Amino acid sequence: MNLQEVTKRLNSLASPSLAEKWDNVGLLVEPTPPHFVNIIMLTNDLTPPVLDEALGKGANMIISYHPPIFTPLKRLRAKNWKESLIVKCIENRVAVYSPHTSYDCVQDGVNDWLINCFDIQEKKPIENHNETVGPYTHQICALVSLEAISDIRTSLAAFADISMSTSPLMNDTEAGTKIDVHIYCNSGNMQNIISVLYTFKELVTRLTCLELSKLPKPGYGMGRRATLTRPITLEEAVKKVKCHLGLDKVRLAAAPGSPSVSSVAVCARSGGSLLKDVSASLFVTGEISHHEILQAMYSGTSVIVCDHSNTERGYLSCLKEKLQSLFDNNIKIIISTMDLEPLAIV
């Protein structure tokens, strides 16, 4: 399958617009076209062992959950391990795509997978993802003389991705000679449209511009909070987390009295800042600071810390199934066996 089509389908699965503003997601390494993809390797982190494994298995695309290019690269040198990875990908015509926080935000993404180790109900994002409903971001309103309507329509015909509607004035002294005009557009062409309207001078009055409100997209957002179908002990909760993540050990900060767990809030990766004001019996995350743990504990919330990538890597198995369907089983999807959490409890 052509890389452009692969990228298009990946973006439809989880739009890059879902990612945090600070993130670097999407297609990061693009070999010179045409580039056809028949084997994709999934990994949480693109490291030298993972890349060697991908090349050995003939992968011509890597989907790395964490972006291997995050801070800007000023040069590409063999002596710097991360820079040399990119060079090696380019030399071997391996495309690299990173979804990162777009998969944290999307419905049925990483955080949904993480919280599904519990029997839950009433699940919702901790921080909602808001977006404009429909294709437009702004509305331009104006009162226009009837004699100018035709010319304005002609002038605006040159703009793509706009919608114009009119409505008669009601109970207005200018009814019959003027009409309300509503133009829906995006921020990119808003100023140019306003400039066109200004050329009609006194034929266009009461000109205003409104930014359309963004609304929460159900099921999309960062983190997840849910009520359990029945309360369980903290020991049971720990066992469920370890089983779901395939871990022998986790770190536990038990709230005084170790109350039963009736609600849980999770955040894959580093969740301290997102979880700090959430009311729940238990937090599950990859990383959290010492002081954030103390704050949670003595506010009645126990904390399970699993290490950063352990809260993400297991999702790759779910992703593999999604991608097989997304690509109609025309691309072989494999999961790296060399992708490992760098920290170990010893």
C-alpha atoms as a PDB file:
ATOM      1  CA  MET A   1       0.000   0.000   0.000  1.00  0.00           C
ATOM      2  CA  ASN A   2       1.283   3.462  -0.876  1.00  0.00           C
ATOM      3  CA  LEU A   3       2.633   5.418   2.092  1.00  0.00           C
ATOM      4  CA  GLN A   4       0.292   8.323   1.410  1.00  0.00           C
ATOM      5  CA  GLU A   5      -2.720   6.024   1.695  1.00  0.00           C
ATOM      6  CA  VAL A   6      -1.288   4.398   4.841  1.00  0.00           C
ATOM      7  CA  THR A   7      -0.808   7.809   6.443  1.00  0.00           C
ATOM      8  CA  LYS A   8      -4.299   8.918   5.434  1.00  0.00           C
ATOM      9  CA  ARG A   9      -5.831   5.854   7.080  1.00  0.00           C
ATOM     10  CA  LEU A  10      -3.717   6.240  10.218  1.00  0.00           C
ATOM     11  CA  ASN A  11      -4.842   9.854  10.537  1.00  0.00           C
ATOM     12  CA  SER A  12      -8.457   8.735  10.200  1.00  0.00           C
ATOM     13  CA  LEU A  13      -7.979   6.292  13.086  1.00  0.00           C
ATOM     14  CA  ALA A  14      -6.758   9.069  15.392  1.00  0.00           C
ATOM     15  CA  SER A  15      -6.398  12.542  13.955  1.00  0.00           C
ATOM     16  CA  PRO A  16      -3.129  14.337  14.818  1.00  0.00           C
ATOM     17  CA  SER A  17      -5.361  17.228  15.938  1.00  0.00           C
ATOM     18  CA  LEU A  18      -6.194  15.153  19.041  1.00  0.00           C
ATOM     19  CA  ALA A  19      -2.605  15.370  20.278  1.00  0.00           C
ATOM     20  CA  GLU A  20      -1.376  17.819  22.885  1.00  0.00           C
ATOM     21  CA  LYS A  21      -0.133  21.118  21.428  1.00  0.00           C
ATOM     22  CA  TRP A  22       3.420  20.434  22.620  1.00  0.00           C
ATOM     23  CA  ASP A  23       3.549  17.027  20.951  1.00  0.00           C
ATOM     24  CA  ASN A  24       5.121  16.010  17.625  1.00  0.00           C
ATOM     25  CA  VAL A  25       2.899  13.462  15.921  1.00  0.00           C
ATOM     26  CA  GLY A  26       2.120  12.105  12.483  1.00  0.00           C
ATOM     27  CA  LEU A  27       4.485  11.084   9.696  1.00  0.00           C
ATOM     28  CA  LEU A  28       7.981  11.997  10.914  1.00  0.00           C
ATOM     29  CA  VAL A  29      10.213  10.238   8.360  1.00  0.00           C
ATOM     30  CA  GLU A  30       9.093   9.993   4.737  1.00  0.00           C
ATOM     31  CA  PRO A  31      11.264   8.175   2.200  1.00  0.00           C
ATOM     32  CA  THR A  32      11.373   9.675  -1.287  1.00  0.00           C
ATOM     33  CA  PRO A  33       8.128   8.758  -3.113  1.00  0.00           C
ATOM     34  CA  PRO A  34       6.964   6.370  -4.270  1.00  0.00           C
ATOM     35  CA  HIS A  35       7.182   4.322  -1.091  1.00  0.00           C
ATOM     36  CA  PHE A  36       5.066   1.201  -0.650  1.00  0.00           C
ATOM     37  CA  VAL A  37       4.416  -0.362   2.745  1.00  0.00           C
ATOM     38  CA  ASN A  38       3.955  -4.097   3.199  1.00  0.00           C
ATOM     39  CA  ILE A  39       5.333  -4.656   6.730  1.00  0.00           C
ATOM     40  CA  ILE A  40       4.772  -2.322   9.699  1.00  0.00           C
ATOM     41  CA  MET A  41       6.545  -2.803  13.018  1.00  0.00           C
ATOM     42  CA  LEU A  42       4.878  -1.446  16.165  1.00  0.00           C
ATOM     43  CA  THR A  43       6.979  -0.228  19.065  1.00  0.00           C
ATOM     44  CA  ASN A  44       6.596   1.978  22.094  1.00  0.00           C
ATOM     45  CA  ASP A  45      10.060   3.490  21.627  1.00  0.00           C
ATOM     46  CA  LEU A  46      12.296   3.510  18.573  1.00  0.00           C
ATOM     47  CA  THR A  47      15.698   2.444  19.894  1.00  0.00           C
ATOM     48  CA  PRO A  48      18.750   0.990  18.098  1.00  0.00           C
ATOM     49  CA  PRO A  49      17.787  -2.638  18.959  1.00  0.00           C
ATOM     50  CA  VAL A  50      14.234  -2.036  17.715  1.00  0.00           C
ATOM     51  CA  LEU A  51      15.428  -0.549  14.426  1.00  0.00           C
ATOM     52  CA  ASP A  52      17.843  -3.435  13.857  1.00  0.00           C
ATOM     53  CA  GLU A  53      14.984  -5.849  14.504  1.00  0.00           C
ATOM     54  CA  ALA A  54      12.729  -3.965  12.076  1.00  0.00           C
ATOM     55  CA  LEU A  55      15.365  -4.071   9.334  1.00  0.00           C
ATOM     56  CA  GLY A  56      16.007  -7.753   9.970  1.00  0.00           C
ATOM     57  CA  LYS A  57      12.305  -8.509   9.521  1.00  0.00           C
ATOM     58  CA  GLY A  58      11.976  -6.426   6.377  1.00  0.00           C
ATOM     59  CA  ALA A  59       9.731  -3.709   7.826  1.00  0.00           C
ATOM     60  CA  ASN A  60       9.484  -0.632   5.630  1.00  0.00           C
ATOM     61  CA  MET A  61       7.483   1.369   8.150  1.00  0.00           C
ATOM     62  CA  ILE A  62       7.676   1.773  11.926  1.00  0.00           C
ATOM     63  CA  ILE A  63       4.876   3.120  14.087  1.00  0.00           C
ATOM     64  CA  SER A  64       6.571   4.352  17.236  1.00  0.00           C
ATOM     65  CA  TYR A  65       4.156   5.434  19.972  1.00  0.00           C
ATOM     66  CA  HIS A  66       6.738   7.901  21.299  1.00  0.00           C
ATOM     67  CA  PRO A  67       8.047  10.286  18.621  1.00  0.00           C
ATOM     68  CA  PRO A  68      11.765   9.657  17.936  1.00  0.00           C
ATOM     69  CA  ILE A  69      11.941  13.263  16.727  1.00  0.00           C
ATOM     70  CA  PHE A  70      10.652  15.491  19.507  1.00  0.00           C
ATOM     71  CA  THR A  71      12.961  18.424  20.065  1.00  0.00           C
ATOM     72  CA  PRO A  72      14.187  19.992  16.789  1.00  0.00           C
ATOM     73  CA  LEU A  73      17.232  18.338  15.208  1.00  0.00           C
ATOM     74  CA  LYS A  74      19.908  20.782  14.049  1.00  0.00           C
ATOM     75  CA  ARG A  75      22.160  18.166  12.492  1.00  0.00           C
ATOM     76  CA  LEU A  76      22.220  14.431  11.718  1.00  0.00           C
ATOM     77  CA  ARG A  77      25.412  12.738  12.967  1.00  0.00           C
ATOM     78  CA  ALA A  78      26.440   9.142  13.394  1.00  0.00           C
ATOM     79  CA  LYS A  79      27.832   9.694  16.884  1.00  0.00           C
ATOM     80  CA  ASN A  80      24.475  10.791  18.352  1.00  0.00           C
ATOM     81  CA  TRP A  81      22.271   7.725  18.867  1.00  0.00           C
ATOM     82  CA  LYS A  82      18.959   9.410  18.140  1.00  0.00           C
ATOM     83  CA  GLU A  83      20.234  11.317  15.111  1.00  0.00           C
ATOM     84  CA  SER A  84      21.846   8.177  13.739  1.00  0.00           C
ATOM     85  CA  LEU A  85      18.506   6.347  14.040  1.00  0.00           C
ATOM     86  CA  ILE A  86      16.898   8.845  11.693  1.00  0.00           C
ATOM     87  CA  VAL A  87      19.816   8.611   9.273  1.00  0.00           C
ATOM     88  CA  LYS A  88      19.552   4.820   9.285  1.00  0.00           C
ATOM     89  CA  CYS A  89      15.801   4.973   8.635  1.00  0.00           C
ATOM     90  CA  ILE A  90      16.349   7.281   5.671  1.00  0.00           C
ATOM     91  CA  GLU A  91      19.212   5.171   4.291  1.00  0.00           C
ATOM     92  CA  ASN A  92      17.066   2.014   4.507  1.00  0.00           C
ATOM     93  CA  ARG A  93      13.865   3.696   3.267  1.00  0.00           C
ATOM     94  CA  VAL A  94      11.914   3.079   6.466  1.00  0.00           C
ATOM     95  CA  ALA A  95       9.023   5.454   7.119  1.00  0.00           C
ATOM     96  CA  VAL A  96       8.340   6.469  10.728  1.00  0.00           C
ATOM     97  CA  TYR A  97       4.959   7.509  12.107  1.00  0.00           C
ATOM     98  CA  SER A  98       4.201   8.516  15.701  1.00  0.00           C
ATOM     99  CA  PRO A  99       0.700   8.890  17.220  1.00  0.00           C
ATOM    100  CA  HIS A 100       1.686   9.531  20.882  1.00  0.00           C
ATOM    101  CA  THR A 101      -0.885  11.686  22.702  1.00  0.00           C
ATOM    102  CA  SER A 102      -3.449  11.402  19.900  1.00  0.00           C
ATOM    103  CA  TYR A 103      -3.757   7.745  20.992  1.00  0.00           C
ATOM    104  CA  ASP A 104      -4.011   8.883  24.625  1.00  0.00           C
ATOM    105  CA  CYS A 105      -6.947  11.118  23.690  1.00  0.00           C
ATOM    106  CA  VAL A 106      -8.864   9.009  21.177  1.00  0.00           C
ATOM    107  CA  GLN A 107     -11.820   6.874  22.219  1.00  0.00           C
ATOM    108  CA  ASP A 108     -10.759   3.232  22.708  1.00  0.00           C
ATOM    109  CA  GLY A 109      -7.152   4.370  22.873  1.00  0.00           C
ATOM    110  CA  VAL A 110      -4.357   3.860  25.380  1.00  0.00           C
ATOM    111  CA  ASN A 111      -6.184   5.167  28.442  1.00  0.00           C
ATOM    112  CA  ASP A 112      -9.302   3.135  27.709  1.00  0.00           C
ATOM    113  CA  TRP A 113      -7.111   0.044  27.389  1.00  0.00           C
ATOM    114  CA  LEU A 114      -5.407   0.866  30.700  1.00  0.00           C
ATOM    115  CA  ILE A 115      -8.588   1.350  32.712  1.00  0.00           C
ATOM    116  CA  ASN A 116     -10.161  -1.778  31.233  1.00  0.00           C
ATOM    117  CA  CYS A 117      -8.155  -3.932  33.627  1.00  0.00           C
ATOM    118  CA  PHE A 118     -11.022  -3.186  36.034  1.00  0.00           C
ATOM    119  CA  ASP A 119     -14.718  -4.059  35.830  1.00  0.00           C
ATOM    120  CA  ILE A 120     -16.079  -0.557  35.407  1.00  0.00           C
ATOM    121  CA  GLN A 121     -19.084   1.594  34.634  1.00  0.00           C
ATOM    122  CA  GLU A 122     -19.652   5.306  34.004  1.00  0.00           C
ATOM    123  CA  LYS A 123     -16.278   5.785  32.312  1.00  0.00           C
ATOM    124  CA  LYS A 124     -15.321   9.262  31.102  1.00  0.00           C
ATOM    125  CA  PRO A 125     -12.213  11.295  30.237  1.00  0.00           C
ATOM    126  CA  ILE A 126     -10.606  13.274  33.036  1.00  0.00           C
ATOM    127  CA  GLU A 127      -9.909  16.179  30.686  1.00  0.00           C
ATOM    128  CA  ASN A 128     -12.331  16.515  27.769  1.00  0.00           C
ATOM    129  CA  HIS A 129     -11.156  17.068  24.215  1.00  0.00           C
ATOM    130  CA  ASN A 130     -13.032  20.023  22.732  1.00  0.00           C
ATOM    131  CA  GLU A 131     -13.385  20.689  19.034  1.00  0.00           C
ATOM    132  CA  THR A 132     -15.468  22.786  16.682  1.00  0.00           C
ATOM    133  CA  VAL A 133     -18.565  21.018  15.408  1.00  0.00           C
ATOM    134  CA  GLY A 134     -18.484  21.025  11.612  1.00  0.00           C
ATOM    135  CA  PRO A 135     -15.783  22.204   9.206  1.00  0.00           C
ATOM    136  CA  TYR A 136     -15.752  25.890  10.154  1.00  0.00           C
ATOM    137  CA  THR A 137     -14.133  27.846  12.982  1.00  0.00           C
ATOM    138  CA  HIS A 138     -15.600  31.356  12.506  1.00  0.00           C
ATOM    139  CA  GLN A 139     -18.826  33.102  11.523  1.00  0.00           C
ATOM    140  CA  ILE A 140     -18.805  36.514   9.834  1.00  0.00           C
ATOM    141  CA  CYS A 141     -22.078  38.429  10.057  1.00  0.00           C
ATOM    142  CA  ALA A 142     -23.025  41.555   8.128  1.00  0.00           C
ATOM    143  CA  LEU A 143     -25.992  43.674   7.074  1.00  0.00           C
ATOM    144  CA  VAL A 144     -25.812  43.935   3.280  1.00  0.00           C
ATOM    145  CA  SER A 145     -27.759  46.013   0.759  1.00  0.00           C
ATOM    146  CA  LEU A 146     -29.803  43.841  -1.567  1.00  0.00           C
ATOM    147  CA  GLU A 147     -28.149  45.421  -4.593  1.00  0.00           C
ATOM    148  CA  ALA A 148     -24.730  44.130  -3.457  1.00  0.00           C
ATOM    149  CA  ILE A 149     -25.632  40.505  -2.720  1.00  0.00           C
ATOM    150  CA  SER A 150     -24.924  39.188  -6.213  1.00  0.00           C
ATOM    151  CA  ASP A 151     -21.537  40.936  -6.424  1.00  0.00           C
ATOM    152  CA  ILE A 152     -20.545  39.697  -2.967  1.00  0.00           C
ATOM    153  CA  ARG A 153     -21.398  36.108  -3.907  1.00  0.00           C
ATOM    154  CA  THR A 154     -19.265  36.460  -7.024  1.00  0.00           C
ATOM    155  CA  SER A 155     -16.326  37.925  -5.063  1.00  0.00           C
ATOM    156  CA  LEU A 156     -16.484  35.179  -2.433  1.00  0.00           C
ATOM    157  CA  ALA A 157     -16.703  32.371  -4.992  1.00  0.00           C
ATOM    158  CA  ALA A 158     -12.903  32.406  -5.214  1.00  0.00           C
ATOM    159  CA  PHE A 159     -12.618  31.200  -1.610  1.00  0.00           C
ATOM    160  CA  ALA A 160     -12.647  27.495  -0.878  1.00  0.00           C
ATOM    161  CA  ASP A 161     -14.223  25.997   2.227  1.00  0.00           C
ATOM    162  CA  ILE A 162     -16.744  28.726   3.025  1.00  0.00           C
ATOM    163  CA  SER A 163     -20.518  28.724   3.309  1.00  0.00           C
ATOM    164  CA  MET A 164     -22.760  31.753   2.877  1.00  0.00           C
ATOM    165  CA  SER A 165     -26.398  32.066   3.862  1.00  0.00           C
ATOM    166  CA  THR A 166     -28.865  34.969   4.019  1.00  0.00           C
ATOM    167  CA  SER A 167     -31.968  35.744   6.044  1.00  0.00           C
ATOM    168  CA  PRO A 168     -34.486  38.599   5.738  1.00  0.00           C
ATOM    169  CA  LEU A 169     -34.620  41.330   8.346  1.00  0.00           C
ATOM    170  CA  MET A 170     -37.553  41.185  10.719  1.00  0.00           C
ATOM    171  CA  ASN A 171     -39.003  44.270  12.434  1.00  0.00           C
ATOM    172  CA  ASP A 172     -36.128  46.464  11.251  1.00  0.00           C
ATOM    173  CA  THR A 173     -36.382  49.903   9.680  1.00  0.00           C
ATOM    174  CA  GLU A 174     -34.094  48.707   6.880  1.00  0.00           C
ATOM    175  CA  ALA A 175     -36.181  45.627   6.061  1.00  0.00           C
ATOM    176  CA  GLY A 176     -36.792  45.385   2.338  1.00  0.00           C
ATOM    177  CA  THR A 177     -33.570  47.146   1.383  1.00  0.00           C
ATOM    178  CA  LYS A 178     -30.993  45.110   3.300  1.00  0.00           C
ATOM    179  CA  ILE A 179     -30.490  41.497   4.306  1.00  0.00           C
ATOM    180  CA  ASP A 180     -28.560  39.582   6.968  1.00  0.00           C
ATOM    181  CA  VAL A 181     -25.581  37.666   5.601  1.00  0.00           C
ATOM    182  CA  HIS A 182     -23.823  34.863   7.490  1.00  0.00           C
ATOM    183  CA  ILE A 183     -20.503  33.537   6.192  1.00  0.00           C
ATOM    184  CA  TYR A 184     -18.944  30.453   7.775  1.00  0.00           C
ATOM    185  CA  CYS A 185     -15.192  30.060   7.243  1.00  0.00           C
ATOM    186  CA  ASN A 186     -11.891  28.986   8.788  1.00  0.00           C
ATOM    187  CA  SER A 187      -9.337  31.215  10.467  1.00  0.00           C
ATOM    188  CA  GLY A 188      -7.003  30.891   7.477  1.00  0.00           C
ATOM    189  CA  ASN A 189      -9.264  32.802   5.087  1.00  0.00           C
ATOM    190  CA  MET A 190     -11.222  34.914   7.570  1.00  0.00           C
ATOM    191  CA  GLN A 191      -9.150  38.101   7.152  1.00  0.00           C
ATOM    192  CA  ASN A 192      -9.283  37.922   3.348  1.00  0.00           C
ATOM    193  CA  ILE A 193     -13.069  37.553   3.402  1.00  0.00           C
ATOM    194  CA  ILE A 194     -13.402  40.570   5.690  1.00  0.00           C
ATOM    195  CA  SER A 195     -11.159  42.554   3.336  1.00  0.00           C
ATOM    196  CA  VAL A 196     -13.484  41.707   0.424  1.00  0.00           C
ATOM    197  CA  LEU A 197     -16.517  42.877   2.397  1.00  0.00           C
ATOM    198  CA  TYR A 198     -14.796  46.151   3.243  1.00  0.00           C
ATOM    199  CA  THR A 199     -14.467  46.960  -0.471  1.00  0.00           C
ATOM    200  CA  PHE A 200     -18.247  47.336  -0.642  1.00  0.00           C
ATOM    201  CA  LYS A 201     -18.035  50.210   1.878  1.00  0.00           C
ATOM    202  CA  GLU A 202     -21.454  51.610   2.885  1.00  0.00           C
ATOM    203  CA  LEU A 203     -23.257  48.671   1.229  1.00  0.00           C
ATOM    204  CA  VAL A 204     -22.021  46.446   4.070  1.00  0.00           C
ATOM    205  CA  THR A 205     -22.657  47.474   7.689  1.00  0.00           C
ATOM    206  CA  ARG A 206     -22.827  45.915  11.161  1.00  0.00           C
ATOM    207  CA  LEU A 207     -19.855  43.707  10.334  1.00  0.00           C
ATOM    208  CA  THR A 208     -18.961  41.281  13.144  1.00  0.00           C
ATOM    209  CA  CYS A 209     -16.842  38.154  13.445  1.00  0.00           C
ATOM    210  CA  LEU A 210     -17.482  35.361  15.936  1.00  0.00           C
ATOM    211  CA  GLU A 211     -15.301  32.398  16.867  1.00  0.00           C
ATOM    212  CA  LEU A 212     -17.465  29.287  16.975  1.00  0.00           C
ATOM    213  CA  SER A 213     -17.453  27.550  20.340  1.00  0.00           C
ATOM    214  CA  LYS A 214     -15.690  24.219  20.734  1.00  0.00           C
ATOM    215  CA  LEU A 215     -17.723  21.439  22.327  1.00  0.00           C
ATOM    216  CA  PRO A 216     -16.559  18.317  24.186  1.00  0.00           C
ATOM    217  CA  LYS A 217     -16.283  15.273  21.911  1.00  0.00           C
ATOM    218  CA  PRO A 218     -17.871  12.369  23.829  1.00  0.00           C
ATOM    219  CA  GLY A 219     -15.368   9.723  24.886  1.00  0.00           C
ATOM    220  CA  TYR A 220     -12.331  11.742  23.771  1.00  0.00           C
ATOM    221  CA  GLY A 221      -9.827  13.352  26.104  1.00  0.00           C
ATOM    222  CA  MET A 222      -6.863  12.750  28.390  1.00  0.00           C
ATOM    223  CA  GLY A 223      -6.966  10.182  31.175  1.00  0.00           C
ATOM    224  CA  ARG A 224      -9.986   8.177  32.240  1.00  0.00           C
ATOM    225  CA  ARG A 225     -12.049   7.968  35.435  1.00  0.00           C
ATOM    226  CA  ALA A 226     -14.614   5.282  36.197  1.00  0.00           C
ATOM    227  CA  THR A 227     -16.695   3.764  38.961  1.00  0.00           C
ATOM    228  CA  LEU A 228     -16.169   0.060  39.579  1.00  0.00           C
ATOM    229  CA  THR A 229     -19.126  -2.275  39.219  1.00  0.00           C
ATOM    230  CA  ARG A 230     -18.401  -3.383  42.789  1.00  0.00           C
ATOM    231  CA  PRO A 231     -15.859  -2.281  45.412  1.00  0.00           C
ATOM    232  CA  ILE A 232     -12.696  -4.372  45.588  1.00  0.00           C
ATOM    233  CA  THR A 233      -9.768  -4.489  47.990  1.00  0.00           C
ATOM    234  CA  LEU A 234      -6.551  -2.661  47.230  1.00  0.00           C
ATOM    235  CA  GLU A 235      -4.801  -6.033  47.004  1.00  0.00           C
ATOM    236  CA  GLU A 236      -7.270  -7.136  44.317  1.00  0.00           C
ATOM    237  CA  ALA A 237      -6.687  -3.898  42.419  1.00  0.00           C
ATOM    238  CA  VAL A 238      -2.915  -4.431  42.441  1.00  0.00           C
ATOM    239  CA  LYS A 239      -3.340  -7.977  41.110  1.00  0.00           C
ATOM    240  CA  LYS A 240      -5.574  -6.766  38.283  1.00  0.00           C
ATOM    241  CA  VAL A 241      -3.067  -4.097  37.243  1.00  0.00           C
ATOM    242  CA  LYS A 242      -0.116  -6.492  37.301  1.00  0.00           C
ATOM    243  CA  CYS A 243      -2.020  -9.098  35.303  1.00  0.00           C
ATOM    244  CA  HIS A 244      -3.247  -6.593  32.710  1.00  0.00           C
ATOM    245  CA  LEU A 245       0.198  -5.041  32.222  1.00  0.00           C
ATOM    246  CA  GLY A 246       2.096  -8.315  32.454  1.00  0.00           C
ATOM    247  CA  LEU A 247       4.217  -7.132  35.383  1.00  0.00           C
ATOM    248  CA  ASP A 248       5.630  -9.017  38.348  1.00  0.00           C
ATOM    249  CA  LYS A 249       6.093  -5.854  40.395  1.00  0.00           C
ATOM    250  CA  VAL A 250       4.540  -2.411  40.673  1.00  0.00           C
ATOM    251  CA  ARG A 251       5.045   0.364  43.205  1.00  0.00           C
ATOM    252  CA  LEU A 252       2.197   1.041  45.611  1.00  0.00           C
ATOM    253  CA  ALA A 253       1.439   3.988  47.858  1.00  0.00           C
ATOM    254  CA  ALA A 254      -1.479   2.882  50.045  1.00  0.00           C
ATOM    255  CA  ALA A 255      -3.710   5.529  51.558  1.00  0.00           C
ATOM    256  CA  PRO A 256      -3.923   5.280  55.367  1.00  0.00           C
ATOM    257  CA  GLY A 257      -6.398   2.602  56.341  1.00  0.00           C
ATOM    258  CA  SER A 258      -6.230   1.075  52.835  1.00  0.00           C
ATOM    259  CA  PRO A 259      -9.900   1.687  52.084  1.00  0.00           C
ATOM    260  CA  SER A 260     -11.658  -0.435  49.469  1.00  0.00           C
ATOM    261  CA  VAL A 261     -11.427   0.685  45.851  1.00  0.00           C
ATOM    262  CA  SER A 262     -14.738   1.843  44.383  1.00  0.00           C
ATOM    263  CA  SER A 263     -13.466   4.268  41.755  1.00  0.00           C
ATOM    264  CA  VAL A 264     -10.296   4.582  39.723  1.00  0.00           C
ATOM    265  CA  ALA A 265      -8.563   7.254  37.656  1.00  0.00           C
ATOM    266  CA  VAL A 266      -5.808   6.381  35.209  1.00  0.00           C
ATOM    267  CA  CYS A 267      -3.320   8.236  33.078  1.00  0.00           C
ATOM    268  CA  ALA A 268      -0.837   6.414  30.893  1.00  0.00           C
ATOM    269  CA  ARG A 269       2.663   7.962  30.873  1.00  0.00           C
ATOM    270  CA  SER A 270       3.259  10.678  33.504  1.00  0.00           C
ATOM    271  CA  GLY A 271      -0.046  11.453  35.166  1.00  0.00           C
ATOM    272  CA  GLY A 272       0.677  13.562  38.220  1.00  0.00           C
ATOM    273  CA  SER A 273      -0.523  16.905  36.885  1.00  0.00           C
ATOM    274  CA  LEU A 274      -3.649  15.446  35.277  1.00  0.00           C
ATOM    275  CA  LEU A 275      -4.688  13.325  38.280  1.00  0.00           C
ATOM    276  CA  LYS A 276      -3.985  15.786  41.085  1.00  0.00           C
ATOM    277  CA  ASP A 277      -7.518  17.212  41.416  1.00  0.00           C
ATOM    278  CA  VAL A 278      -9.426  14.026  40.573  1.00  0.00           C
ATOM    279  CA  SER A 279     -11.606  12.364  43.213  1.00  0.00           C
ATOM    280  CA  ALA A 280     -11.044   8.586  43.127  1.00  0.00           C
ATOM    281  CA  SER A 281     -10.149   5.711  45.434  1.00  0.00           C
ATOM    282  CA  LEU A 282      -7.144   4.777  43.287  1.00  0.00           C
ATOM    283  CA  PHE A 283      -4.772   6.353  40.771  1.00  0.00           C
ATOM    284  CA  VAL A 284      -2.922   4.210  38.212  1.00  0.00           C
ATOM    285  CA  THR A 285      -0.155   5.872  36.200  1.00  0.00           C
ATOM    286  CA  GLY A 286       3.310   5.422  34.791  1.00  0.00           C
ATOM    287  CA  GLU A 287       5.044   8.246  36.624  1.00  0.00           C
ATOM    288  CA  ILE A 288       4.139  10.659  39.408  1.00  0.00           C
ATOM    289  CA  SER A 289       6.258  12.828  41.663  1.00  0.00           C
ATOM    290  CA  HIS A 290       7.007  12.167  45.331  1.00  0.00           C
ATOM    291  CA  HIS A 291       4.997  15.172  46.504  1.00  0.00           C
ATOM    292  CA  GLU A 292       2.036  14.329  44.268  1.00  0.00           C
ATOM    293  CA  ILE A 293       1.993  10.832  45.785  1.00  0.00           C
ATOM    294  CA  LEU A 294       1.961  12.237  49.305  1.00  0.00           C
ATOM    295  CA  GLN A 295      -0.861  14.620  48.401  1.00  0.00           C
ATOM    296  CA  ALA A 296      -2.933  11.754  47.014  1.00  0.00           C
ATOM    297  CA  MET A 297      -2.215   9.348  49.894  1.00  0.00           C
ATOM    298  CA  TYR A 298      -3.196  11.712  52.668  1.00  0.00           C
ATOM    299  CA  SER A 299      -6.268  12.814  50.734  1.00  0.00           C
ATOM    300  CA  GLY A 300      -7.510   9.212  50.772  1.00  0.00           C
ATOM    301  CA  THR A 301      -6.341   8.014  47.344  1.00  0.00           C
ATOM    302  CA  SER A 302      -3.977   5.079  46.891  1.00  0.00           C
ATOM    303  CA  VAL A 303      -1.520   5.203  43.984  1.00  0.00           C
ATOM    304  CA  ILE A 304      -0.123   2.434  41.775  1.00  0.00           C
ATOM    305  CA  VAL A 305       2.972   3.464  39.794  1.00  0.00           C
ATOM    306  CA  CYS A 306       3.933   1.117  36.961  1.00  0.00           C
ATOM    307  CA  ASP A 307       6.778   3.022  35.227  1.00  0.00           C
ATOM    308  CA  HIS A 308       6.180   5.105  32.153  1.00  0.00           C
ATOM    309  CA  SER A 309       6.148   2.788  29.153  1.00  0.00           C
ATOM    310  CA  ASN A 310       4.566  -0.119  31.042  1.00  0.00           C
ATOM    311  CA  THR A 311       1.283   1.804  30.984  1.00  0.00           C
ATOM    312  CA  GLU A 312       1.465   2.129  27.190  1.00  0.00           C
ATOM    313  CA  ARG A 313       3.215  -0.876  25.642  1.00  0.00           C
ATOM    314  CA  GLY A 314       0.408  -3.392  26.180  1.00  0.00           C
ATOM    315  CA  TYR A 315      -1.869  -1.319  23.983  1.00  0.00           C
ATOM    316  CA  LEU A 316       0.208  -2.321  20.947  1.00  0.00           C
ATOM    317  CA  SER A 317      -1.582  -5.687  20.831  1.00  0.00           C
ATOM    318  CA  CYS A 318      -4.933  -3.883  20.576  1.00  0.00           C
ATOM    319  CA  LEU A 319      -3.470  -1.541  17.991  1.00  0.00           C
ATOM    320  CA  LYS A 320      -2.287  -4.471  15.899  1.00  0.00           C
ATOM    321  CA  GLU A 321      -5.863  -5.738  15.584  1.00  0.00           C
ATOM    322  CA  LYS A 322      -7.151  -2.273  14.693  1.00  0.00           C
ATOM    323  CA  LEU A 323      -4.514  -1.828  11.992  1.00  0.00           C
ATOM    324  CA  GLN A 324      -5.150  -5.232  10.442  1.00  0.00           C
ATOM    325  CA  SER A 325      -8.756  -4.155   9.954  1.00  0.00           C
ATOM    326  CA  LEU A 326      -7.801  -0.619   8.905  1.00  0.00           C
ATOM    327  CA  PHE A 327      -5.540  -1.920   6.138  1.00  0.00           C
ATOM    328  CA  ASP A 328      -7.866  -4.764   5.115  1.00  0.00           C
ATOM    329  CA  ASN A 329      -5.164  -7.309   6.050  1.00  0.00           C
ATOM    330  CA  ASN A 330      -3.070  -6.083   3.112  1.00  0.00           C
ATOM    331  CA  ILE A 331      -0.154  -5.085   5.356  1.00  0.00           C
ATOM    332  CA  LYS A 332       1.640  -7.393   7.772  1.00  0.00           C
ATOM    333  CA  ILE A 333       1.652  -5.921  11.299  1.00  0.00           C
ATOM    334  CA  ILE A 334       4.314  -7.091  13.753  1.00  0.00           C
ATOM    335  CA  ILE A 335       5.154  -6.008  17.298  1.00  0.00           C
ATOM    336  CA  SER A 336       8.759  -5.475  18.326  1.00  0.00           C
ATOM    337  CA  THR A 337      10.210  -7.967  20.778  1.00  0.00           C
ATOM    338  CA  MET A 338      13.166  -5.674  21.507  1.00  0.00           C
ATOM    339  CA  ASP A 339      11.056  -2.795  22.826  1.00  0.00           C
ATOM    340  CA  LEU A 340      11.464  -2.842  26.617  1.00  0.00           C
ATOM    341  CA  GLU A 341      10.885  -0.595  29.612  1.00  0.00           C
ATOM    342  CA  PRO A 342      14.361   0.815  30.395  1.00  0.00           C
ATOM    343  CA  LEU A 343      13.843   0.751  34.162  1.00  0.00           C
ATOM    344  CA  ALA A 344      13.832  -2.466  36.163  1.00  0.00           C
ATOM    345  CA  ILE A 345      13.078  -3.036  39.865  1.00  0.00           C
ATOM    346  CA  VAL A 346      16.115  -4.900  41.232  1.00  0.00           C
END
